[in-house]
Amino acid sequence: MTEAIHTPHLADRSLAIENALYIFNAIKSLDENIALVPDSFINRRANQVLKEATEFLERVEKEGLFRALEKGEFADIKRSENGGKGLNGVFRKDLEYYNPFLEKMKKELGV
């Protein structure tokens, strides 16, 4: 898949949603077939990931979103608050703009 910030292809987003729905359908009854032991590797790892994510979000909240972006807190990608392309190359949607996938995606996502 391409990175949307550089190449915003709707097909990539559609494929990502399609793949996510495939996975959700494939594992919808997984809990009926697997019992997790409280101190198992999976539970320990899940708790570790949750703890690290919580600490990360608390850090971002404390220092602010733009400072965290400048420091490269998100995927080690640094973005200056005043740098980048900004609005250069961004266009207003025409009143006649139509995205044929938008309604289908909203319906499938229940949005």
N, C-alpha and C. Protein backbone atom coordinates (compact mmCIF):
# COMPACT_ATOMS: atom_id res chain seq x y z
N MET A 1 0.83 -1.18 0.00
CA MET A 1 0.00 0.00 0.00
C MET A 1 0.87 1.25 0.00
N THR A 2 0.33 2.29 -0.51
CA THR A 2 1.05 3.56 -0.53
C THR A 2 0.72 4.35 0.72
N GLU A 3 1.56 5.33 1.03
CA GLU A 3 1.31 6.18 2.20
C GLU A 3 0.40 7.32 1.77
N ALA A 4 -0.75 7.41 2.39
CA ALA A 4 -1.79 8.36 1.95
C ALA A 4 -1.32 9.80 1.93
N ILE A 5 -0.42 10.17 2.82
CA ILE A 5 0.02 11.57 2.84
C ILE A 5 0.75 11.94 1.56
N HIS A 6 1.38 10.97 0.93
CA HIS A 6 2.12 11.24 -0.30
C HIS A 6 1.32 10.91 -1.55
N THR A 7 0.61 9.81 -1.51
CA THR A 7 -0.17 9.39 -2.67
C THR A 7 -1.54 8.91 -2.18
N PRO A 8 -2.49 9.81 -2.09
CA PRO A 8 -3.79 9.46 -1.50
C PRO A 8 -4.68 8.66 -2.44
N HIS A 9 -4.37 7.41 -2.64
CA HIS A 9 -5.15 6.57 -3.54
C HIS A 9 -6.33 5.94 -2.79
N LEU A 10 -7.52 6.20 -3.26
CA LEU A 10 -8.71 5.63 -2.63
C LEU A 10 -8.71 4.11 -2.70
N ALA A 11 -8.11 3.57 -3.74
CA ALA A 11 -8.08 2.11 -3.89
C ALA A 11 -7.35 1.47 -2.71
N ASP A 12 -6.29 2.13 -2.22
CA ASP A 12 -5.55 1.60 -1.07
C ASP A 12 -6.45 1.56 0.16
N ARG A 13 -7.19 2.63 0.37
CA ARG A 13 -8.07 2.69 1.54
C ARG A 13 -9.18 1.66 1.43
N SER A 14 -9.72 1.53 0.24
CA SER A 14 -10.77 0.54 0.02
C SER A 14 -10.24 -0.87 0.26
N LEU A 15 -9.04 -1.15 -0.22
CA LEU A 15 -8.43 -2.46 -0.01
C LEU A 15 -8.18 -2.71 1.47
N ALA A 16 -7.72 -1.70 2.19
CA ALA A 16 -7.47 -1.85 3.62
C ALA A 16 -8.76 -2.18 4.37
N ILE A 17 -9.85 -1.49 4.02
CA ILE A 17 -11.14 -1.77 4.66
C ILE A 17 -11.61 -3.17 4.31
N GLU A 18 -11.47 -3.54 3.06
CA GLU A 18 -11.87 -4.89 2.62
C GLU A 18 -11.09 -5.95 3.38
N ASN A 19 -9.79 -5.75 3.53
CA ASN A 19 -8.95 -6.71 4.25
C ASN A 19 -9.33 -6.78 5.72
N ALA A 20 -9.61 -5.64 6.33
CA ALA A 20 -10.00 -5.62 7.74
C ALA A 20 -11.31 -6.37 7.94
N LEU A 21 -12.28 -6.15 7.06
CA LEU A 21 -13.55 -6.86 7.16
C LEU A 21 -13.36 -8.37 6.99
N TYR A 22 -12.46 -8.76 6.10
CA TYR A 22 -12.15 -10.18 5.90
C TYR A 22 -11.63 -10.79 7.20
N ILE A 23 -10.69 -10.09 7.84
CA ILE A 23 -10.12 -10.58 9.09
C ILE A 23 -11.18 -10.64 10.18
N PHE A 24 -11.98 -9.57 10.32
CA PHE A 24 -13.02 -9.56 11.34
C PHE A 24 -13.98 -10.73 11.16
N ASN A 25 -14.38 -11.01 9.93
CA ASN A 25 -15.28 -12.13 9.68
C ASN A 25 -14.61 -13.47 9.97
N ALA A 26 -13.32 -13.57 9.66
CA ALA A 26 -12.61 -14.83 9.87
C ALA A 26 -12.43 -15.16 11.34
N ILE A 27 -12.35 -14.15 12.20
CA ILE A 27 -12.09 -14.42 13.62
C ILE A 27 -13.28 -14.12 14.53
N LYS A 28 -14.45 -13.91 13.95
CA LYS A 28 -15.58 -13.49 14.78
C LYS A 28 -15.95 -14.50 15.87
N SER A 29 -15.68 -15.78 15.69
CA SER A 29 -15.99 -16.76 16.74
C SER A 29 -14.72 -17.37 17.34
N LEU A 30 -13.62 -16.68 17.20
CA LEU A 30 -12.34 -17.18 17.72
C LEU A 30 -12.40 -17.39 19.23
N ASP A 31 -13.08 -16.51 19.95
CA ASP A 31 -13.14 -16.62 21.40
C ASP A 31 -13.83 -17.90 21.87
N GLU A 32 -14.64 -18.51 21.02
CA GLU A 32 -15.30 -19.76 21.37
C GLU A 32 -14.34 -20.95 21.29
N ASN A 33 -13.21 -20.76 20.63
CA ASN A 33 -12.28 -21.86 20.40
C ASN A 33 -10.96 -21.73 21.14
N ILE A 34 -10.71 -20.58 21.74
CA ILE A 34 -9.43 -20.36 22.41
C ILE A 34 -9.68 -19.82 23.81
N ALA A 35 -8.98 -20.39 24.78
CA ALA A 35 -9.03 -19.89 26.15
C ALA A 35 -7.65 -19.36 26.49
N LEU A 36 -7.57 -18.11 26.89
CA LEU A 36 -6.29 -17.51 27.23
C LEU A 36 -6.02 -17.64 28.72
N VAL A 37 -4.85 -18.15 29.04
CA VAL A 37 -4.43 -18.28 30.43
C VAL A 37 -4.03 -16.89 30.92
N PRO A 38 -4.44 -16.51 32.13
CA PRO A 38 -4.16 -15.15 32.62
C PRO A 38 -2.70 -14.71 32.52
N ASP A 39 -1.76 -15.59 32.76
CA ASP A 39 -0.35 -15.19 32.70
C ASP A 39 0.34 -15.73 31.44
N SER A 40 -0.43 -15.93 30.39
CA SER A 40 0.15 -16.46 29.15
C SER A 40 0.94 -15.38 28.43
N PHE A 41 1.74 -15.79 27.46
CA PHE A 41 2.52 -14.85 26.66
C PHE A 41 1.62 -13.81 26.00
N ILE A 42 0.51 -14.27 25.44
CA ILE A 42 -0.40 -13.36 24.73
C ILE A 42 -0.94 -12.30 25.68
N ASN A 43 -1.38 -12.71 26.87
CA ASN A 43 -1.90 -11.73 27.83
C ASN A 43 -0.82 -10.78 28.32
N ARG A 44 0.36 -11.30 28.59
CA ARG A 44 1.45 -10.43 29.04
C ARG A 44 1.81 -9.42 27.95
N ARG A 45 1.88 -9.90 26.71
CA ARG A 45 2.22 -9.00 25.59
C ARG A 45 1.11 -7.96 25.37
N ALA A 46 -0.14 -8.39 25.44
CA ALA A 46 -1.25 -7.45 25.27
C ALA A 46 -1.20 -6.37 26.35
N ASN A 47 -0.93 -6.75 27.58
CA ASN A 47 -0.84 -5.78 28.67
C ASN A 47 0.35 -4.84 28.48
N GLN A 48 1.46 -5.38 27.97
CA GLN A 48 2.64 -4.54 27.71
C GLN A 48 2.33 -3.51 26.62
N VAL A 49 1.70 -3.96 25.54
CA VAL A 49 1.35 -3.05 24.44
C VAL A 49 0.38 -1.98 24.93
N LEU A 50 -0.61 -2.38 25.71
CA LEU A 50 -1.58 -1.43 26.25
C LEU A 50 -0.89 -0.40 27.15
N LYS A 51 0.02 -0.87 28.00
CA LYS A 51 0.76 0.03 28.90
C LYS A 51 1.60 1.02 28.10
N GLU A 52 2.33 0.52 27.10
CA GLU A 52 3.18 1.40 26.29
C GLU A 52 2.35 2.40 25.49
N ALA A 53 1.21 1.96 24.97
CA ALA A 53 0.34 2.86 24.21
C ALA A 53 -0.23 3.95 25.12
N THR A 54 -0.61 3.57 26.33
CA THR A 54 -1.14 4.54 27.29
C THR A 54 -0.06 5.55 27.66
N GLU A 55 1.15 5.08 27.93
CA GLU A 55 2.26 5.98 28.26
C GLU A 55 2.56 6.93 27.09
N PHE A 56 2.52 6.40 25.88
CA PHE A 56 2.76 7.22 24.70
C PHE A 56 1.71 8.33 24.59
N LEU A 57 0.44 7.95 24.71
CA LEU A 57 -0.63 8.94 24.59
C LEU A 57 -0.57 9.98 25.71
N GLU A 58 -0.17 9.56 26.91
CA GLU A 58 -0.01 10.51 28.01
C GLU A 58 1.13 11.48 27.72
N ARG A 59 2.21 10.97 27.13
CA ARG A 59 3.34 11.83 26.74
C ARG A 59 2.91 12.84 25.69
N VAL A 60 2.17 12.38 24.70
CA VAL A 60 1.68 13.26 23.64
C VAL A 60 0.75 14.32 24.24
N GLU A 61 -0.11 13.90 25.15
CA GLU A 61 -1.02 14.86 25.78
C GLU A 61 -0.24 15.91 26.57
N LYS A 62 0.81 15.48 27.27
CA LYS A 62 1.60 16.40 28.10
C LYS A 62 2.39 17.40 27.25
N GLU A 63 3.05 16.92 26.21
CA GLU A 63 3.90 17.81 25.42
C GLU A 63 3.17 18.48 24.26
N GLY A 64 2.02 17.96 23.90
CA GLY A 64 1.24 18.53 22.80
C GLY A 64 1.48 17.77 21.51
N LEU A 65 0.45 17.74 20.69
CA LEU A 65 0.50 16.98 19.44
C LEU A 65 1.58 17.48 18.50
N PHE A 66 1.66 18.80 18.30
CA PHE A 66 2.63 19.31 17.34
C PHE A 66 4.06 19.08 17.80
N ARG A 67 4.32 19.21 19.10
CA ARG A 67 5.68 18.95 19.61
C ARG A 67 6.03 17.48 19.42
N ALA A 68 5.07 16.59 19.67
CA ALA A 68 5.31 15.15 19.48
C ALA A 68 5.61 14.85 18.01
N LEU A 69 4.89 15.51 17.11
CA LEU A 69 5.15 15.33 15.67
C LEU A 69 6.54 15.84 15.31
N GLU A 70 6.92 16.98 15.86
CA GLU A 70 8.24 17.54 15.58
C GLU A 70 9.36 16.63 16.08
N LYS A 71 9.13 15.96 17.20
CA LYS A 71 10.14 15.07 17.78
C LYS A 71 10.19 13.71 17.08
N GLY A 72 9.24 13.43 16.22
CA GLY A 72 9.23 12.15 15.53
C GLY A 72 8.65 11.02 16.36
N GLU A 73 7.74 11.36 17.26
CA GLU A 73 7.13 10.36 18.14
C GLU A 73 6.25 9.36 17.37
N PHE A 74 5.75 9.77 16.22
CA PHE A 74 4.87 8.90 15.44
C PHE A 74 5.69 8.24 14.33
N ALA A 75 5.97 6.96 14.49
CA ALA A 75 6.69 6.17 13.48
C ALA A 75 8.03 6.78 13.10
N ASP A 76 8.66 7.49 14.04
CA ASP A 76 9.98 8.11 13.81
C ASP A 76 9.99 9.05 12.62
N ILE A 77 8.84 9.63 12.30
CA ILE A 77 8.75 10.59 11.19
C ILE A 77 8.59 11.98 11.80
N LYS A 78 9.58 12.83 11.57
CA LYS A 78 9.56 14.18 12.13
C LYS A 78 8.89 15.14 11.16
N ARG A 79 7.99 15.95 11.69
CA ARG A 79 7.29 16.95 10.89
C ARG A 79 7.28 18.27 11.65
N SER A 80 7.86 19.29 11.06
CA SER A 80 7.86 20.61 11.66
C SER A 80 6.46 21.21 11.59
N GLU A 81 6.07 21.91 12.64
CA GLU A 81 4.74 22.52 12.66
C GLU A 81 4.57 23.53 11.53
N ASN A 82 5.64 24.23 11.22
CA ASN A 82 5.56 25.24 10.16
C ASN A 82 6.21 24.79 8.86
N GLY A 83 6.65 23.55 8.80
CA GLY A 83 7.31 23.05 7.60
C GLY A 83 6.35 22.28 6.72
N GLY A 84 6.90 21.54 5.80
CA GLY A 84 6.08 20.72 4.91
C GLY A 84 5.48 21.53 3.78
N LYS A 85 4.57 20.91 3.09
CA LYS A 85 3.98 21.54 1.91
C LYS A 85 2.82 22.47 2.27
N GLY A 86 2.24 22.26 3.44
CA GLY A 86 1.12 23.12 3.83
C GLY A 86 -0.01 23.03 2.84
N LEU A 87 -0.58 24.17 2.53
CA LEU A 87 -1.72 24.20 1.61
C LEU A 87 -1.31 24.21 0.15
N ASN A 88 0.00 24.30 -0.11
CA ASN A 88 0.46 24.30 -1.48
C ASN A 88 0.10 22.97 -2.14
N GLY A 89 -0.65 23.01 -3.19
CA GLY A 89 -1.05 21.79 -3.87
C GLY A 89 -2.38 21.22 -3.40
N VAL A 90 -2.99 21.84 -2.39
CA VAL A 90 -4.30 21.40 -1.91
C VAL A 90 -5.36 22.26 -2.59
N PHE A 91 -6.40 21.62 -3.08
CA PHE A 91 -7.44 22.34 -3.80
C PHE A 91 -8.79 22.16 -3.10
N ARG A 92 -9.62 23.15 -3.21
CA ARG A 92 -10.99 23.02 -2.70
C ARG A 92 -11.75 22.05 -3.60
N LYS A 93 -12.64 21.29 -2.96
CA LYS A 93 -13.49 20.41 -3.75
C LYS A 93 -14.48 21.25 -4.54
N ASP A 94 -14.65 20.90 -5.78
CA ASP A 94 -15.63 21.56 -6.62
C ASP A 94 -17.03 21.18 -6.11
N LEU A 95 -17.98 22.05 -6.30
CA LEU A 95 -19.35 21.75 -5.89
C LEU A 95 -19.88 20.50 -6.57
N GLU A 96 -19.35 20.19 -7.75
CA GLU A 96 -19.78 19.03 -8.51
C GLU A 96 -18.94 17.78 -8.21
N TYR A 97 -18.01 17.87 -7.25
CA TYR A 97 -17.14 16.73 -6.92
C TYR A 97 -17.98 15.54 -6.49
N TYR A 98 -17.62 14.37 -6.99
CA TYR A 98 -18.33 13.15 -6.64
C TYR A 98 -17.32 12.03 -6.45
N ASN A 99 -17.40 11.37 -5.33
CA ASN A 99 -16.55 10.23 -5.05
C ASN A 99 -17.45 8.99 -5.06
N PRO A 100 -17.33 8.14 -6.07
CA PRO A 100 -18.23 6.98 -6.19
C PRO A 100 -18.07 5.95 -5.08
N PHE A 101 -16.97 5.99 -4.36
CA PHE A 101 -16.73 4.99 -3.32
C PHE A 101 -17.20 5.45 -1.94
N LEU A 102 -17.34 6.75 -1.75
CA LEU A 102 -17.60 7.30 -0.43
C LEU A 102 -18.87 6.75 0.21
N GLU A 103 -19.97 6.76 -0.50
CA GLU A 103 -21.23 6.27 0.07
C GLU A 103 -21.15 4.78 0.42
N LYS A 104 -20.52 4.00 -0.45
CA LYS A 104 -20.38 2.56 -0.18
C LYS A 104 -19.52 2.33 1.06
N MET A 105 -18.42 3.08 1.16
CA MET A 105 -17.54 2.93 2.32
C MET A 105 -18.27 3.34 3.60
N LYS A 106 -19.01 4.44 3.56
CA LYS A 106 -19.76 4.88 4.73
C LYS A 106 -20.78 3.83 5.15
N LYS A 107 -21.46 3.25 4.16
CA LYS A 107 -22.48 2.24 4.45
C LYS A 107 -21.83 1.01 5.09
N GLU A 108 -20.73 0.55 4.52
CA GLU A 108 -20.06 -0.64 5.05
C GLU A 108 -19.49 -0.40 6.44
N LEU A 109 -19.06 0.82 6.72
CA LEU A 109 -18.49 1.15 8.02
C LEU A 109 -19.56 1.57 9.03
N GLY A 110 -20.78 1.76 8.55
CA GLY A 110 -21.86 2.19 9.44
C GLY A 110 -21.70 3.62 9.92
N VAL A 111 -21.11 4.45 9.06
CA VAL A 111 -20.87 5.86 9.42
C VAL A 111 -21.96 6.73 8.86
